Protein backbone atom coordinates (compact mmCIF):
# COMPACT_ATOMS: atom_id res chain seq x y z
CA MET A 1 69.12 48.96 -32.50
CA ASP A 2 68.16 48.19 -36.11
CA THR A 3 64.33 47.88 -36.07
CA ALA A 4 64.55 45.10 -38.61
CA ALA A 5 66.32 43.02 -35.95
CA THR A 6 63.69 43.65 -33.29
CA GLY A 7 62.08 40.44 -31.91
CA LEU A 8 64.24 38.05 -33.99
CA THR A 9 65.34 34.76 -32.71
CA PHE A 10 68.13 32.80 -34.48
CA ARG A 11 68.38 29.00 -34.05
CA ASP A 12 69.42 25.85 -35.91
CA ALA A 13 66.66 24.16 -37.84
CA THR A 14 65.32 20.78 -36.76
CA ASP A 15 63.34 18.13 -38.57
CA ALA A 16 60.22 19.69 -37.24
CA ASP A 17 60.94 22.80 -39.28
CA VAL A 18 61.28 21.01 -42.67
CA ASP A 19 57.84 21.77 -44.05
CA ALA A 20 57.81 25.44 -42.86
CA LEU A 21 61.23 26.02 -44.29
CA VAL A 22 60.27 24.48 -47.74
CA ALA A 23 57.17 26.62 -47.83
CA LEU A 24 59.26 29.78 -46.93
CA ILE A 25 62.06 29.06 -49.49
CA GLU A 26 59.40 28.41 -52.30
CA SER A 27 57.38 31.50 -51.32
CA ALA A 28 60.54 33.73 -51.74
CA TYR A 29 61.60 32.43 -55.09
CA ARG A 30 58.77 30.61 -57.09
CA GLY A 31 55.31 31.31 -58.29
CA ASP A 32 53.11 34.31 -58.00
CA ALA A 33 53.50 34.56 -54.21
CA SER A 34 57.16 35.26 -54.67
CA ARG A 35 56.36 38.42 -56.68
CA ALA A 36 55.43 40.19 -53.47
CA GLY A 37 59.11 40.45 -52.67
CA TRP A 38 61.99 41.44 -54.81
CA THR A 39 64.03 38.14 -54.73
CA THR A 40 61.61 36.22 -57.01
CA GLU A 41 63.03 33.95 -59.71
CA ALA A 42 59.54 33.37 -61.11
CA ASP A 43 60.45 34.86 -64.52
CA ILE A 44 63.57 32.76 -65.04
CA LEU A 45 62.66 29.44 -63.32
CA GLU A 46 59.52 27.58 -62.72
CA GLY A 47 58.99 24.41 -60.59
CA GLN A 48 60.48 23.88 -57.20
CA ARG A 49 63.40 25.67 -55.63
CA THR A 50 63.95 23.05 -52.99
CA ASP A 51 62.18 19.98 -51.46
CA PRO A 52 61.95 18.44 -48.07
CA GLU A 53 64.83 15.96 -48.87
CA GLY A 54 67.13 18.88 -49.77
CA VAL A 55 66.28 20.94 -46.63
CA ARG A 56 66.61 17.69 -44.43
CA ALA A 57 70.01 17.06 -46.00
CA VAL A 58 71.31 20.43 -44.94
CA ILE A 59 69.90 19.99 -41.43
CA LYS A 60 71.51 16.58 -41.10
CA SER A 61 74.97 17.32 -42.59
CA PRO A 62 77.60 17.54 -39.93
CA ASP A 63 79.36 20.48 -41.68
CA SER A 64 76.19 22.56 -42.24
CA ARG A 65 73.73 24.67 -40.34
CA LEU A 66 70.44 25.75 -41.45
CA LEU A 67 70.00 29.05 -39.50
CA THR A 68 66.26 29.63 -38.88
CA VAL A 69 65.00 33.03 -38.09
CA GLU A 70 61.82 33.57 -36.19
CA ARG A 71 59.72 36.54 -35.11
CA ALA A 72 56.70 36.16 -32.81
CA GLY A 73 57.00 32.39 -33.10
CA SER A 74 56.85 32.32 -36.90
CA VAL A 75 59.59 31.36 -39.27
CA VAL A 76 60.41 34.43 -41.36
CA ALA A 77 63.75 33.68 -42.87
CA CYS A 78 66.59 31.16 -43.13
CA CYS A 79 70.02 30.51 -44.60
CA GLN A 80 72.40 27.64 -44.97
CA LEU A 81 75.95 27.85 -43.65
CA GLU A 82 78.44 25.13 -44.68
CA HIS A 83 81.94 24.89 -43.38
CA ARG A 84 84.29 24.31 -46.32
CA GLY A 85 87.79 24.49 -45.00
CA ASP A 86 89.05 28.07 -44.98
CA HIS A 87 85.66 29.47 -45.94
CA ALA A 88 81.99 29.06 -45.32
CA TYR A 89 79.39 28.57 -48.03
CA PHE A 90 76.15 30.71 -47.69
CA GLY A 91 73.04 29.34 -49.41
CA MET A 92 69.33 28.61 -49.23
CA PHE A 93 68.75 32.26 -48.17
CA ALA A 94 65.10 33.18 -47.87
CA VAL A 95 63.23 36.05 -46.33
CA SER A 96 59.44 36.00 -46.36
CA PRO A 97 58.25 38.05 -49.38
CA ALA A 98 56.01 40.14 -47.13
CA LEU A 99 58.98 41.19 -44.99
CA GLN A 100 61.53 41.92 -47.92
CA GLY A 101 62.81 45.37 -48.45
CA GLY A 102 62.76 46.28 -44.70
CA GLY A 103 66.41 45.49 -43.78
CA LEU A 104 65.82 41.98 -42.47
CA GLY A 105 68.03 40.53 -45.07
CA LYS A 106 70.92 42.71 -43.94
CA VAL A 107 70.52 41.64 -40.40
CA ILE A 108 70.42 37.97 -41.23
CA ILE A 109 73.44 37.92 -43.54
CA GLY A 110 75.42 39.86 -40.82
CA GLU A 111 74.45 37.21 -38.23
CA ALA A 112 75.36 34.47 -40.65
CA GLU A 113 78.85 36.00 -41.25
CA ARG A 114 79.41 36.43 -37.49
CA ALA A 115 78.16 32.87 -36.80
CA ALA A 116 80.54 31.34 -39.42
CA ARG A 117 83.49 33.32 -38.17
CA GLU A 118 82.76 32.42 -34.61
CA ALA A 119 81.96 28.77 -35.12
CA TRP A 120 84.56 27.90 -37.69
CA GLY A 121 87.15 30.68 -37.75
CA VAL A 122 86.75 30.95 -41.57
CA ALA A 123 88.34 33.89 -43.40
CA ALA A 124 85.68 34.16 -46.14
CA MET A 125 82.15 33.65 -47.13
CA ARG A 126 81.27 32.23 -50.52
CA MET A 127 77.99 31.94 -52.44
CA THR A 128 76.82 31.37 -55.83
CA VAL A 129 74.06 33.46 -57.48
CA ILE A 130 72.40 33.02 -60.86
CA SER A 131 74.49 35.42 -63.07
CA VAL A 132 71.44 37.10 -64.63
CA ARG A 133 70.16 38.21 -61.19
CA ASN A 134 71.79 41.65 -61.36
CA ASP A 135 69.62 43.27 -58.70
CA LEU A 136 70.36 40.45 -56.27
CA ILE A 137 74.15 40.52 -57.09
CA ALA A 138 74.13 44.27 -56.61
CA TRP A 139 72.47 43.79 -53.19
CA TYR A 140 75.32 41.38 -52.14
CA GLU A 141 77.98 43.78 -53.52
CA ARG A 142 76.62 46.50 -51.23
CA ARG A 143 77.23 43.96 -48.33
CA GLY A 144 80.88 43.61 -49.33
CA TYR A 145 80.61 40.61 -51.63
CA ARG A 146 82.62 40.75 -54.86
CA ARG A 147 81.97 39.03 -58.18
CA THR A 148 84.68 36.66 -59.21
CA GLY A 149 83.68 36.03 -62.85
CA GLU A 150 84.05 32.30 -61.90
CA MET A 151 80.98 30.49 -63.37
CA THR A 152 79.54 27.08 -62.91
CA PRO A 153 76.76 25.68 -65.11
CA PHE A 154 73.19 25.64 -64.04
CA PRO A 155 71.92 21.96 -63.68
CA TYR A 156 69.69 22.04 -66.79
CA GLY A 157 67.45 18.84 -66.85
CA ASP A 158 67.46 18.43 -62.99
CA GLU A 159 64.04 19.57 -61.98
CA ARG A 160 64.99 19.48 -58.35
CA PHE A 161 66.54 22.88 -59.05
CA GLY A 162 63.70 24.24 -61.19
CA VAL A 163 62.52 24.35 -64.78
CA PRO A 164 64.56 27.04 -66.62
CA GLN A 165 62.65 29.45 -68.69
CA ARG A 166 65.76 30.70 -70.64
CA ASP A 167 68.99 29.04 -71.84
CA ASP A 168 71.67 31.40 -70.48
CA LEU A 169 71.50 30.57 -66.75
CA GLN A 170 74.69 29.92 -64.80
CA PHE A 171 76.01 30.49 -61.36
CA GLU A 172 78.58 33.14 -60.45
CA LEU A 173 80.76 32.69 -57.35
CA LEU A 174 80.61 35.76 -55.00
CA VAL A 175 83.20 35.99 -52.17
CA LYS A 176 83.56 38.21 -49.09
CA PRO A 177 86.54 38.33 -46.71
CA LEU A 178 85.38 37.96 -43.04
CA ALA A 179 88.62 39.23 -41.43
């Protein structure tokens, strides 16, 4: 068994998890704490990555799951799965910065793909990644995702998504068949 998977528990988030999940997501992407891991966006975005309302909306949506990952009773990772017809959307992915680089992300994305296939019978997983995050995109490509070149604009001016530190941010759609 993959040692990264040892002792992990996967479950759907509840309202009681909101504060812990917001703290986890913020720690993985924003501020100096995020620099302990490799997924930081601290050099391209300041401000918040999410907020309690955003996390609660995913938990409450009938077409979404916020998969929460625990080890020894502590929340160590999470990801959003949303059923969108013939595919699932993968988002809000965060792994505790102290645990990044040890294979935990691979285990979680594999479980997310399995769960989406099993629950919804979807043929593909889709996600959007900030296009300048080449290291992160390469990580997803090693897991079978492909770049589509399909871009959507970054929501400049909406601080719920952060305060951009550069003017060339956009999201690229990545897709992986789940057959």
